[in-house]
N, C-alpha and C. Protein backbone atom coordinates (compact mmCIF):
# COMPACT_ATOMS: atom_id res chain seq x y z
N UNK A 1 87.29 71.60 77.43
CA UNK A 1 87.08 71.91 79.02
C UNK A 1 88.08 72.05 80.12
N UNK A 2 89.48 71.16 79.86
CA UNK A 2 90.94 71.34 80.70
C UNK A 2 90.81 72.75 80.54
N UNK A 3 90.31 73.97 79.36
CA UNK A 3 91.01 75.20 78.87
C UNK A 3 90.77 76.29 80.48
N UNK A 4 88.70 75.44 80.38
CA UNK A 4 88.05 76.12 81.00
C UNK A 4 88.77 76.37 83.18
N UNK A 5 88.86 75.23 82.39
CA UNK A 5 89.61 74.24 84.26
C UNK A 5 90.72 75.79 84.97
N UNK A 6 91.48 75.34 83.59
CA UNK A 6 92.34 75.91 83.96
C UNK A 6 93.14 77.96 83.62
N UNK A 7 91.79 78.16 83.32
CA UNK A 7 91.57 80.01 83.76
C UNK A 7 90.99 79.67 85.01
N UNK A 8 90.13 79.49 85.73
CA UNK A 8 88.73 79.42 87.17
C UNK A 8 90.53 78.70 87.69
N UNK A 9 92.05 77.59 87.56
CA UNK A 9 93.00 77.66 88.90
C UNK A 9 93.02 79.20 89.10
N UNK A 10 93.10 80.42 87.65
CA UNK A 10 94.05 81.60 87.51
C UNK A 10 95.57 80.94 88.04
N UNK A 11 96.08 79.47 88.13
CA UNK A 11 97.08 79.01 87.92
C UNK A 11 98.43 78.99 86.69
N UNK A 12 99.56 79.45 86.30
CA UNK A 12 100.53 79.11 85.68
C UNK A 12 100.20 77.15 85.80
N UNK A 13 100.52 76.31 86.25
CA UNK A 13 100.38 74.96 86.23
C UNK A 13 99.35 74.60 86.32
N UNK A 14 99.28 73.35 85.15
CA UNK A 14 97.89 72.68 84.87
C UNK A 14 97.04 71.89 85.79
N UNK A 15 96.13 72.16 86.04
CA UNK A 15 95.70 70.59 86.96
C UNK A 15 95.00 69.80 86.55
N UNK A 16 94.74 68.52 87.37
CA UNK A 16 94.66 67.30 87.55
C UNK A 16 93.59 67.04 86.26
N UNK A 17 94.23 65.82 85.87
CA UNK A 17 92.29 65.96 84.85
C UNK A 17 91.97 65.29 85.32
N UNK A 18 90.06 65.54 85.38
CA UNK A 18 89.33 64.96 86.41
C UNK A 18 88.99 63.46 86.78
N UNK A 19 89.68 62.32 86.35
CA UNK A 19 89.34 61.28 86.16
C UNK A 19 90.45 60.94 87.59
N UNK A 20 91.36 62.17 87.38
CA UNK A 20 93.07 61.62 88.53
C UNK A 20 92.04 61.99 89.37
N UNK A 21 91.51 62.91 89.76
CA UNK A 21 90.94 63.83 91.17
C UNK A 21 90.61 62.54 92.29
N UNK A 22 89.96 61.03 92.30
CA UNK A 22 89.56 60.38 93.51
C UNK A 22 90.48 59.83 93.60
N UNK A 23 91.51 59.70 92.80
CA UNK A 23 92.85 58.90 93.17
C UNK A 23 94.32 59.60 94.21
N UNK A 24 93.79 60.96 93.41
CA UNK A 24 94.29 62.11 93.82
C UNK A 24 93.46 62.06 95.64
N UNK A 25 92.98 62.69 95.72
CA UNK A 25 93.24 62.52 97.24
C UNK A 25 92.51 61.75 97.77
N UNK A 26 92.58 60.56 98.10
CA UNK A 26 92.17 59.62 98.58
C UNK A 26 94.22 59.50 98.78
N UNK A 27 94.68 59.84 97.91
CA UNK A 27 96.69 60.20 98.61
C UNK A 27 96.94 61.06 99.20
N UNK A 28 96.02 61.71 99.06
CA UNK A 28 96.16 63.74 100.41
C UNK A 28 95.26 63.12 101.26
N UNK A 29 94.39 62.03 102.10
CA UNK A 29 94.17 61.61 103.51
C UNK A 29 95.21 61.23 103.66
N UNK A 30 95.29 59.78 102.63
CA UNK A 30 96.86 59.39 103.73
C UNK A 30 97.53 60.07 103.29
N UNK A 31 98.55 60.90 103.59
CA UNK A 31 99.17 61.44 103.73
C UNK A 31 99.23 62.28 105.28
N UNK A 32 97.94 63.36 105.51
CA UNK A 32 97.80 63.67 106.06
C UNK A 32 97.26 62.84 108.02
N UNK A 33 97.02 60.78 108.21
CA UNK A 33 97.88 61.15 109.57
C UNK A 33 98.63 62.03 109.79
N UNK A 34 99.90 60.45 108.78
CA UNK A 34 101.68 61.09 108.91
C UNK A 34 101.68 62.11 109.24
N UNK A 35 101.46 63.03 108.64
CA UNK A 35 102.08 64.70 108.57
C UNK A 35 101.31 65.42 110.10
N UNK A 36 99.77 64.71 110.47
CA UNK A 36 99.92 65.28 112.24
C UNK A 36 101.21 64.24 113.00
N UNK A 37 101.77 63.19 112.78
CA UNK A 37 102.63 62.59 114.08
C UNK A 37 104.07 63.60 113.33
N UNK A 38 104.76 64.33 112.55
CA UNK A 38 105.99 64.36 112.49
C UNK A 38 106.52 66.00 111.96
N UNK A 39 105.08 66.28 111.38
CA UNK A 39 105.14 67.77 111.14
C UNK A 39 104.68 69.12 112.36
N UNK A 40 104.82 69.93 112.86
CA UNK A 40 104.32 70.99 113.57
C UNK A 40 102.49 71.05 112.83
N UNK A 41 101.61 71.36 114.24
CA UNK A 41 100.54 71.26 113.40
C UNK A 41 100.26 72.76 112.66
N UNK A 42 101.43 74.09 112.51
CA UNK A 42 101.11 74.85 111.66
C UNK A 42 101.26 74.47 109.92
N UNK A 43 102.41 73.79 110.12
CA UNK A 43 103.66 73.48 109.00
C UNK A 43 102.55 72.05 108.17
N UNK A 44 101.98 71.04 108.94
CA UNK A 44 100.78 70.58 107.93
C UNK A 44 99.92 70.73 108.33
N UNK A 45 99.21 71.67 108.93
CA UNK A 45 97.70 72.67 108.38
C UNK A 45 97.87 73.21 106.97
N UNK A 46 99.11 73.92 107.28
CA UNK A 46 100.37 74.53 105.14
C UNK A 46 99.40 73.57 104.64
N UNK A 47 100.07 72.28 104.75
CA UNK A 47 100.90 71.32 104.36
C UNK A 47 99.28 71.50 103.31
N UNK A 48 98.14 70.72 104.33
CA UNK A 48 97.14 70.15 103.61
C UNK A 48 96.48 71.78 103.04
N UNK A 49 96.65 72.66 102.72
CA UNK A 49 95.79 73.46 102.35
C UNK A 49 96.35 73.36 100.91
N UNK A 50 97.59 73.70 100.66
CA UNK A 50 98.55 73.75 99.38
C UNK A 50 98.11 72.87 98.69
N UNK A 51 97.84 71.21 99.12
CA UNK A 51 98.02 70.17 98.83
C UNK A 51 96.04 70.37 98.70
N UNK A 52 95.26 70.02 99.07
CA UNK A 52 94.62 70.48 98.32
C UNK A 52 93.93 71.34 97.18
N UNK A 53 93.99 72.89 97.59
CA UNK A 53 94.29 73.01 96.01
C UNK A 53 95.65 72.60 94.71
N UNK A 54 95.96 72.21 95.62
CA UNK A 54 96.77 71.64 93.55
C UNK A 54 95.82 70.89 93.49
N UNK A 55 95.07 70.08 94.41
CA UNK A 55 94.26 68.95 93.35
C UNK A 55 93.50 69.11 92.69
N UNK A 56 92.67 70.50 92.49
CA UNK A 56 91.35 70.89 93.18
C UNK A 56 90.27 70.87 92.30
N UNK A 57 89.91 69.93 93.24
CA UNK A 57 88.79 69.08 92.84
C UNK A 57 86.95 69.66 92.60
N UNK A 58 86.98 71.17 93.08
CA UNK A 58 85.72 71.71 93.13
C UNK A 58 86.30 72.92 91.95
N UNK A 59 85.31 72.55 90.21
CA UNK A 59 84.64 74.13 89.31
C UNK A 59 85.56 75.07 90.69
N UNK A 60 84.56 75.65 92.10
CA UNK A 60 84.49 76.61 92.41
C UNK A 60 85.32 75.90 93.80
N UNK A 61 85.32 77.02 94.70
CA UNK A 61 85.48 77.58 96.33
C UNK A 61 86.67 76.22 96.71
N UNK A 62 87.76 75.92 95.57
CA UNK A 62 88.46 75.21 96.38
C UNK A 62 89.69 75.89 97.40
N UNK A 63 90.04 77.49 97.28
CA UNK A 63 90.35 78.66 98.21
C UNK A 63 89.64 78.13 99.43
N UNK A 64 88.09 78.38 98.96
CA UNK A 64 88.15 78.87 100.64
C UNK A 64 87.73 77.25 101.51
N UNK A 65 87.80 76.11 100.55
CA UNK A 65 87.51 75.63 101.24
C UNK A 65 88.59 74.43 101.32
N UNK A 66 90.04 75.17 101.14
CA UNK A 66 91.49 74.65 101.94
C UNK A 66 91.10 75.66 102.82
N UNK A 67 91.13 76.45 102.87
CA UNK A 67 90.92 77.43 103.83
C UNK A 67 91.00 76.84 105.01
N UNK A 68 89.25 76.33 105.25
CA UNK A 68 87.86 76.12 105.65
C UNK A 68 88.71 74.43 106.67
N UNK A 69 89.90 73.25 105.34
CA UNK A 69 90.33 72.32 106.20
C UNK A 69 91.67 72.94 107.44
N UNK A 70 92.10 73.21 106.69
CA UNK A 70 93.33 74.29 107.51
C UNK A 70 92.72 74.86 108.31
N UNK A 71 92.41 75.47 108.69
CA UNK A 71 91.61 75.79 110.44
C UNK A 71 90.49 74.70 111.19
N UNK A 72 89.64 74.02 110.09
CA UNK A 72 89.82 72.33 111.11
C UNK A 72 90.93 71.22 111.77
N UNK A 73 91.56 71.39 111.54
CA UNK A 73 93.19 71.13 111.09
C UNK A 73 93.40 71.77 113.22
N UNK A 74 93.65 72.84 112.55
CA UNK A 74 94.27 73.46 113.17
C UNK A 74 92.87 73.64 114.18
N UNK A 75 92.49 73.90 114.71
CA UNK A 75 91.33 73.25 115.86
C UNK A 75 91.39 71.82 116.55
N UNK A 76 91.68 71.00 115.84
CA UNK A 76 91.97 69.66 116.02
C UNK A 76 93.34 69.32 117.19
N UNK A 77 93.83 70.69 116.15
CA UNK A 77 95.94 69.96 117.03
C UNK A 77 95.43 71.69 117.89
N UNK A 78 94.54 73.17 118.98
CA UNK A 78 94.30 72.88 119.90
C UNK A 78 95.06 74.05 119.64
N UNK A 79 95.40 75.27 118.10
CA UNK A 79 95.98 76.03 118.18
C UNK A 79 94.06 76.86 117.15
N UNK A 80 94.49 78.50 117.60
CA UNK A 80 93.76 79.18 116.61
C UNK A 80 93.82 78.99 115.08
N UNK A 81 92.34 79.51 114.78
CA UNK A 81 92.45 79.57 112.97
C UNK A 81 93.79 80.63 112.75
N UNK A 82 93.92 80.18 111.20
CA UNK A 82 94.71 81.02 110.32
C UNK A 82 93.39 81.83 109.59
N UNK A 83 94.47 83.27 110.02
CA UNK A 83 93.63 84.14 108.87
C UNK A 83 93.80 84.82 108.23
N UNK A 84 93.48 85.15 107.26
CA UNK A 84 94.89 85.25 105.71
C UNK A 84 93.73 86.63 105.65
N UNK A 85 94.65 88.37 106.37
CA UNK A 85 94.11 89.35 106.59
C UNK A 85 94.00 90.08 104.55
N UNK A 86 92.95 90.64 103.81
CA UNK A 86 93.30 91.36 102.75
C UNK A 86 94.35 91.60 102.79
N UNK A 87 95.03 92.69 103.63
CA UNK A 87 95.94 93.71 103.12
C UNK A 87 97.26 92.02 102.69
N UNK A 88 97.46 90.82 103.09
CA UNK A 88 98.81 89.96 102.65
C UNK A 88 97.42 89.30 101.57
N UNK A 89 96.64 89.76 101.18
CA UNK A 89 96.24 88.10 100.32
C UNK A 89 97.82 88.00 99.49
N UNK A 90 97.84 89.21 98.30
CA UNK A 90 98.49 89.16 97.36
C UNK A 90 100.00 88.44 97.84
N UNK A 91 100.90 88.63 98.98
CA UNK A 91 101.64 87.38 99.41
C UNK A 91 101.23 86.72 99.65
N UNK A 92 99.24 86.28 99.92
CA UNK A 92 98.99 84.26 100.11
C UNK A 92 99.31 83.59 99.00
N UNK A 93 98.63 84.31 97.66
CA UNK A 93 99.01 84.06 97.16
C UNK A 93 100.07 83.68 96.26
N UNK A 94 100.85 84.72 96.04
CA UNK A 94 101.68 83.82 95.93
C UNK A 94 103.55 83.36 96.11
N UNK A 95 102.65 83.36 97.00
CA UNK A 95 103.69 81.71 98.27
C UNK A 95 102.37 80.53 97.81
N UNK A 96 101.60 80.57 97.54
CA UNK A 96 101.06 79.77 97.66
C UNK A 96 101.23 79.36 95.70
N UNK A 97 100.82 80.10 94.62
CA UNK A 97 101.73 79.82 93.54
C UNK A 97 102.96 78.62 93.71
N UNK A 98 104.14 79.64 94.17
CA UNK A 98 105.40 78.95 93.99
C UNK A 98 105.57 77.89 95.38
N UNK A 99 104.40 77.46 95.89
CA UNK A 99 104.47 75.64 96.81
C UNK A 99 104.34 74.96 95.81
N UNK A 100 104.36 74.79 94.80
CA UNK A 100 104.48 74.24 93.65
C UNK A 100 105.56 72.70 93.68
N UNK A 101 106.48 74.54 93.73
CA UNK A 101 108.08 73.71 94.03
C UNK A 101 108.77 74.11 95.17
N UNK A 102 108.15 74.81 95.77
CA UNK A 102 109.23 75.61 97.27
C UNK A 102 108.46 75.28 97.91
N UNK A 103 108.09 74.69 99.20
CA UNK A 103 106.36 75.28 100.34
C UNK A 103 107.10 75.78 101.34
N UNK A 104 108.34 75.72 101.34
CA UNK A 104 109.01 76.89 102.49
C UNK A 104 107.56 78.21 103.12
N UNK A 105 107.90 79.19 101.76
CA UNK A 105 107.29 80.74 102.04
C UNK A 105 105.84 80.31 102.36
N UNK A 106 104.88 79.49 101.77
CA UNK A 106 103.84 79.44 102.16
C UNK A 106 103.61 79.09 103.69
N UNK A 107 104.72 77.90 103.27
CA UNK A 107 103.95 77.23 105.37
C UNK A 107 104.27 78.27 106.57
N UNK A 108 105.39 79.46 106.24
CA UNK A 108 106.10 80.20 107.17
C UNK A 108 105.76 81.48 107.15
N UNK A 109 105.01 81.57 106.30
CA UNK A 109 103.91 82.91 105.76
C UNK A 109 101.89 82.25 106.64
N UNK A 110 101.55 80.89 106.94
CA UNK A 110 100.77 80.36 107.83
C UNK A 110 101.23 79.97 109.12
N UNK A 111 102.32 80.21 109.44
CA UNK A 111 102.40 79.92 110.77
C UNK A 111 102.64 81.46 111.13
N UNK A 112 103.24 82.19 110.53
CA UNK A 112 102.66 83.16 110.87
C UNK A 112 101.69 83.92 111.44
N UNK A 113 100.58 83.43 110.38
CA UNK A 113 99.16 84.14 111.16
C UNK A 113 97.99 83.15 112.32
N UNK A 114 99.33 82.12 112.47
CA UNK A 114 98.51 80.91 113.21
C UNK A 114 98.67 81.64 114.90
């Protein structure tokens, strides 16, 4: 099962175990109000997206849901949505993958899209 999930994620980083998802999601949801207070909205939105993708709670659709949550966050903060055009999809995927250990490129990419 884990092998299947790793293939689904298309990432070299291992996915959390299914039994860890609930606690990880609770921790994720607890971070959002703090990010809202101390981060620029574009940075906080990027972190929301990144953290959700890293938790990877669903078998399919995690990226789409992460972009939806990120854009909902941006709208709530009075910003436009961030649209990732197909022309920078490779850059987006690379920055998201790198964000596992350094999220600066991903934050800058999202900030450019806002």
